[in-house]
């Protein structure tokens, strides 16, 4: 689904990944983290797709909101599991959305 975002500027966190073969408990962990992110101050929404390459874009109202989410204790646990258990490769990019149409 394409979400409605506010009038720019706002920020996008773009997470691309390739999963390991049959990553145990990945779906449950992803759902837990998504539910937690949605409750964070400054969270605006998410768009996500997965085939061989997964791409998730979360939208935030400020860099401060992104920083607070990055430092969330439960999110830190999930990131560690991602590095050790879930992903063959991944990359996170943060960008400022200045225009949309």
N, C-alpha and C. Protein backbone atom coordinates (compact mmCIF):
# COMPACT_ATOMS: atom_id res chain seq x y z
N UNK A 1 0.83 -1.17 0.00
CA UNK A 1 0.00 0.00 0.00
C UNK A 1 0.89 1.25 0.00
N UNK A 2 0.46 2.25 -0.73
CA UNK A 2 1.16 3.53 -0.72
C UNK A 2 0.49 4.40 0.33
N UNK A 3 1.28 4.88 1.29
CA UNK A 3 0.70 5.65 2.39
C UNK A 3 0.62 7.13 2.04
N UNK A 4 -0.23 7.82 2.73
CA UNK A 4 -0.31 9.27 2.63
C UNK A 4 0.64 9.86 3.66
N UNK A 5 1.51 10.72 3.19
CA UNK A 5 2.46 11.39 4.07
C UNK A 5 2.12 12.88 4.12
N UNK A 6 2.62 13.57 5.14
CA UNK A 6 2.34 15.00 5.23
C UNK A 6 3.10 15.78 4.16
N UNK A 7 2.81 17.03 4.07
CA UNK A 7 3.54 17.91 3.17
C UNK A 7 5.02 17.92 3.58
N UNK A 8 5.95 17.73 2.63
CA UNK A 8 7.37 17.77 2.97
C UNK A 8 7.76 19.12 3.55
N UNK A 9 8.87 19.16 4.28
CA UNK A 9 9.86 18.10 4.41
C UNK A 9 9.55 17.12 5.53
N UNK A 10 10.02 15.91 5.34
CA UNK A 10 10.03 14.86 6.34
C UNK A 10 11.17 13.92 5.95
N UNK A 11 11.35 12.83 6.66
CA UNK A 11 12.52 11.98 6.43
C UNK A 11 12.10 10.55 6.12
N UNK A 12 12.92 9.87 5.33
CA UNK A 12 12.71 8.47 4.98
C UNK A 12 13.92 7.66 5.42
N UNK A 13 13.65 6.54 6.07
CA UNK A 13 14.69 5.56 6.39
C UNK A 13 14.44 4.38 5.45
N UNK A 14 15.41 4.13 4.59
CA UNK A 14 15.30 3.10 3.56
C UNK A 14 16.16 1.92 3.99
N UNK A 15 15.51 0.79 4.24
CA UNK A 15 16.22 -0.41 4.69
C UNK A 15 16.08 -1.47 3.60
N UNK A 16 17.21 -1.86 2.99
CA UNK A 16 17.23 -2.91 1.99
C UNK A 16 17.94 -4.12 2.59
N UNK A 17 17.46 -5.31 2.23
CA UNK A 17 18.04 -6.51 2.83
C UNK A 17 17.85 -7.73 1.95
N UNK A 18 18.71 -8.70 2.19
CA UNK A 18 18.60 -10.03 1.61
C UNK A 18 18.61 -11.00 2.79
N UNK A 19 17.56 -11.80 2.89
CA UNK A 19 17.43 -12.73 4.01
C UNK A 19 18.34 -13.94 3.87
N UNK A 20 18.76 -14.48 5.01
CA UNK A 20 19.40 -15.78 5.03
C UNK A 20 18.38 -16.84 4.63
N UNK A 21 18.84 -18.02 4.31
CA UNK A 21 17.93 -19.12 4.02
C UNK A 21 17.13 -19.47 5.28
N UNK A 22 15.82 -19.46 5.18
CA UNK A 22 14.91 -19.87 6.27
C UNK A 22 15.30 -19.26 7.63
N UNK A 23 15.24 -17.94 7.75
CA UNK A 23 15.60 -17.30 9.03
C UNK A 23 14.54 -17.56 10.10
N UNK A 24 14.89 -18.33 11.09
CA UNK A 24 13.96 -18.73 12.14
C UNK A 24 13.45 -17.52 12.92
N UNK A 25 12.13 -17.45 13.08
CA UNK A 25 11.44 -16.41 13.86
C UNK A 25 11.50 -15.01 13.25
N UNK A 26 11.90 -14.92 11.98
CA UNK A 26 12.00 -13.61 11.34
C UNK A 26 10.66 -12.88 11.28
N UNK A 27 9.62 -13.56 10.82
CA UNK A 27 8.31 -12.91 10.66
C UNK A 27 7.79 -12.35 11.98
N UNK A 28 7.93 -13.12 13.05
CA UNK A 28 7.46 -12.67 14.36
C UNK A 28 8.26 -11.45 14.83
N UNK A 29 9.56 -11.49 14.63
CA UNK A 29 10.42 -10.37 15.04
C UNK A 29 10.08 -9.12 14.24
N UNK A 30 9.90 -9.28 12.94
CA UNK A 30 9.57 -8.14 12.08
C UNK A 30 8.24 -7.51 12.50
N UNK A 31 7.26 -8.33 12.82
CA UNK A 31 5.96 -7.81 13.25
C UNK A 31 6.07 -7.07 14.59
N UNK A 32 6.85 -7.62 15.51
CA UNK A 32 7.05 -6.97 16.81
C UNK A 32 7.70 -5.60 16.64
N UNK A 33 8.73 -5.53 15.82
CA UNK A 33 9.44 -4.27 15.61
C UNK A 33 8.55 -3.26 14.89
N UNK A 34 7.78 -3.71 13.91
CA UNK A 34 6.88 -2.81 13.21
C UNK A 34 5.84 -2.22 14.17
N UNK A 35 5.26 -3.06 15.00
CA UNK A 35 4.27 -2.56 15.97
C UNK A 35 4.89 -1.54 16.92
N UNK A 36 6.11 -1.80 17.33
CA UNK A 36 6.81 -0.87 18.22
C UNK A 36 7.11 0.45 17.50
N UNK A 37 7.58 0.36 16.27
CA UNK A 37 7.90 1.58 15.50
C UNK A 37 6.66 2.45 15.33
N UNK A 38 5.53 1.81 15.05
CA UNK A 38 4.30 2.55 14.82
C UNK A 38 3.85 3.33 16.05
N UNK A 39 4.32 2.92 17.21
CA UNK A 39 3.93 3.62 18.45
C UNK A 39 4.92 4.73 18.83
N UNK A 40 5.97 4.90 18.04
CA UNK A 40 7.00 5.89 18.36
C UNK A 40 6.56 7.29 17.92
N UNK A 41 6.89 8.28 18.72
CA UNK A 41 6.64 9.67 18.37
C UNK A 41 7.39 9.99 17.09
N UNK A 42 6.71 10.60 16.14
CA UNK A 42 7.34 11.01 14.89
C UNK A 42 7.20 10.02 13.75
N UNK A 43 6.71 8.81 14.03
CA UNK A 43 6.52 7.81 12.97
C UNK A 43 5.35 8.24 12.09
N UNK A 44 5.56 8.26 10.77
CA UNK A 44 4.53 8.69 9.83
C UNK A 44 3.94 7.53 9.03
N UNK A 45 4.68 6.43 8.85
CA UNK A 45 4.16 5.30 8.09
C UNK A 45 5.28 4.46 7.50
N UNK A 46 4.85 3.40 6.81
CA UNK A 46 5.81 2.46 6.21
C UNK A 46 5.27 1.95 4.88
N UNK A 47 6.18 1.73 3.97
CA UNK A 47 5.91 1.03 2.71
C UNK A 47 6.97 -0.06 2.60
N UNK A 48 6.54 -1.25 2.19
CA UNK A 48 7.48 -2.36 2.21
C UNK A 48 7.16 -3.37 1.10
N UNK A 49 8.21 -4.00 0.57
CA UNK A 49 8.06 -5.05 -0.44
C UNK A 49 9.20 -6.04 -0.25
N UNK A 50 8.91 -7.32 -0.51
CA UNK A 50 9.96 -8.33 -0.40
C UNK A 50 9.80 -9.35 -1.50
N UNK A 51 10.90 -9.60 -2.19
CA UNK A 51 11.04 -10.70 -3.13
C UNK A 51 12.40 -11.28 -2.76
N UNK A 52 13.34 -11.31 -3.65
CA UNK A 52 14.71 -11.68 -3.30
C UNK A 52 15.32 -10.56 -2.46
N UNK A 53 15.07 -9.34 -2.89
CA UNK A 53 15.53 -8.15 -2.17
C UNK A 53 14.35 -7.56 -1.41
N UNK A 54 14.53 -7.28 -0.15
CA UNK A 54 13.48 -6.61 0.63
C UNK A 54 13.80 -5.14 0.75
N UNK A 55 12.75 -4.32 0.61
CA UNK A 55 12.91 -2.88 0.77
C UNK A 55 11.78 -2.40 1.67
N UNK A 56 12.16 -1.76 2.76
CA UNK A 56 11.19 -1.14 3.67
C UNK A 56 11.58 0.32 3.83
N UNK A 57 10.60 1.19 3.65
CA UNK A 57 10.82 2.62 3.82
C UNK A 57 9.90 3.09 4.93
N UNK A 58 10.51 3.57 6.01
CA UNK A 58 9.71 4.18 7.07
C UNK A 58 9.87 5.69 6.95
N UNK A 59 8.79 6.40 7.28
CA UNK A 59 8.77 7.85 7.17
C UNK A 59 8.66 8.45 8.57
N UNK A 60 9.42 9.52 8.79
CA UNK A 60 9.52 10.14 10.11
C UNK A 60 9.44 11.65 9.98
N UNK A 61 8.98 12.29 11.04
CA UNK A 61 8.83 13.74 11.01
C UNK A 61 10.13 14.50 11.21
N UNK A 62 11.15 13.85 11.77
CA UNK A 62 12.41 14.56 12.06
C UNK A 62 13.57 13.59 12.23
N UNK A 63 14.77 14.12 12.13
CA UNK A 63 15.96 13.32 12.40
C UNK A 63 16.01 12.92 13.88
N UNK A 64 15.50 13.77 14.76
CA UNK A 64 15.47 13.45 16.18
C UNK A 64 14.60 12.22 16.45
N UNK A 65 13.47 12.11 15.77
CA UNK A 65 12.61 10.94 15.93
C UNK A 65 13.31 9.67 15.45
N UNK A 66 14.03 9.77 14.35
CA UNK A 66 14.79 8.63 13.83
C UNK A 66 15.86 8.22 14.83
N UNK A 67 16.55 9.21 15.39
CA UNK A 67 17.60 8.92 16.37
C UNK A 67 17.03 8.22 17.60
N UNK A 68 15.91 8.71 18.10
CA UNK A 68 15.29 8.08 19.28
C UNK A 68 14.89 6.64 18.96
N UNK A 69 14.34 6.40 17.78
CA UNK A 69 13.95 5.05 17.38
C UNK A 69 15.20 4.16 17.28
N UNK A 70 16.25 4.69 16.72
CA UNK A 70 17.50 3.93 16.59
C UNK A 70 18.06 3.51 17.94
N UNK A 71 17.82 4.32 18.97
CA UNK A 71 18.34 4.04 20.30
C UNK A 71 17.36 3.25 21.17
N UNK A 72 16.18 2.94 20.66
CA UNK A 72 15.20 2.17 21.42
C UNK A 72 15.79 0.80 21.77
N UNK A 73 15.69 0.42 23.04
CA UNK A 73 16.31 -0.82 23.53
C UNK A 73 15.82 -2.05 22.78
N UNK A 74 14.52 -2.16 22.58
CA UNK A 74 13.97 -3.34 21.90
C UNK A 74 14.37 -3.36 20.43
N UNK A 75 14.43 -2.19 19.81
CA UNK A 75 14.87 -2.10 18.43
C UNK A 75 16.34 -2.51 18.31
N UNK A 76 17.16 -2.14 19.29
CA UNK A 76 18.58 -2.52 19.29
C UNK A 76 18.74 -4.04 19.34
N UNK A 77 17.89 -4.70 20.12
CA UNK A 77 17.92 -6.17 20.19
C UNK A 77 17.59 -6.76 18.83
N UNK A 78 16.57 -6.22 18.17
CA UNK A 78 16.17 -6.71 16.85
C UNK A 78 17.28 -6.49 15.82
N UNK A 79 17.94 -5.35 15.89
CA UNK A 79 19.04 -5.08 14.94
C UNK A 79 20.17 -6.08 15.13
N UNK A 80 20.46 -6.42 16.37
CA UNK A 80 21.52 -7.39 16.64
C UNK A 80 21.14 -8.77 16.07
N UNK A 81 19.88 -9.17 16.27
CA UNK A 81 19.41 -10.44 15.72
C UNK A 81 19.46 -10.42 14.19
N UNK A 82 19.15 -9.27 13.62
CA UNK A 82 19.22 -9.15 12.17
C UNK A 82 20.62 -9.41 11.65
N UNK A 83 21.60 -8.84 12.33
CA UNK A 83 23.00 -9.02 11.92
C UNK A 83 23.45 -10.47 12.06
N UNK A 84 23.03 -11.13 13.14
CA UNK A 84 23.53 -12.47 13.41
C UNK A 84 22.66 -13.59 12.83
N UNK A 85 21.34 -13.36 12.73
CA UNK A 85 20.44 -14.46 12.40
C UNK A 85 19.65 -14.30 11.10
N UNK A 86 19.31 -13.09 10.71
CA UNK A 86 18.31 -12.92 9.66
C UNK A 86 18.85 -12.56 8.28
N UNK A 87 19.88 -11.73 8.21
CA UNK A 87 20.25 -11.14 6.93
C UNK A 87 21.60 -11.61 6.41
N UNK A 88 21.64 -11.89 5.09
CA UNK A 88 22.90 -12.12 4.39
C UNK A 88 23.59 -10.78 4.16
N UNK A 89 22.77 -9.79 3.83
CA UNK A 89 23.28 -8.44 3.57
C UNK A 89 22.16 -7.45 3.85
N UNK A 90 22.54 -6.25 4.24
CA UNK A 90 21.55 -5.20 4.48
C UNK A 90 22.23 -3.84 4.40
N UNK A 91 21.41 -2.83 4.22
CA UNK A 91 21.91 -1.45 4.18
C UNK A 91 20.78 -0.54 4.65
N UNK A 92 21.13 0.48 5.43
CA UNK A 92 20.18 1.48 5.88
C UNK A 92 20.62 2.84 5.35
N UNK A 93 19.67 3.55 4.76
CA UNK A 93 19.94 4.89 4.24
C UNK A 93 18.89 5.84 4.79
N UNK A 94 19.29 7.05 5.09
CA UNK A 94 18.37 8.05 5.60
C UNK A 94 18.40 9.24 4.65
N UNK A 95 17.22 9.69 4.26
CA UNK A 95 17.17 10.83 3.34
C UNK A 95 16.06 11.80 3.74
N UNK A 96 16.24 13.02 3.35
CA UNK A 96 15.23 14.05 3.57
C UNK A 96 14.34 14.11 2.33
N UNK A 97 13.05 14.03 2.55
CA UNK A 97 12.09 14.16 1.45
C UNK A 97 11.75 15.65 1.35
N UNK A 98 12.09 16.23 0.23
CA UNK A 98 11.87 17.66 0.03
C UNK A 98 10.68 17.95 -0.87
N UNK A 99 10.29 16.93 -1.64
CA UNK A 99 9.19 17.12 -2.59
C UNK A 99 8.54 15.78 -2.86
N UNK A 100 7.23 15.80 -3.08
CA UNK A 100 6.53 14.61 -3.55
C UNK A 100 5.42 15.03 -4.48
N UNK A 101 5.07 14.15 -5.40
CA UNK A 101 4.00 14.46 -6.34
C UNK A 101 3.39 13.19 -6.88
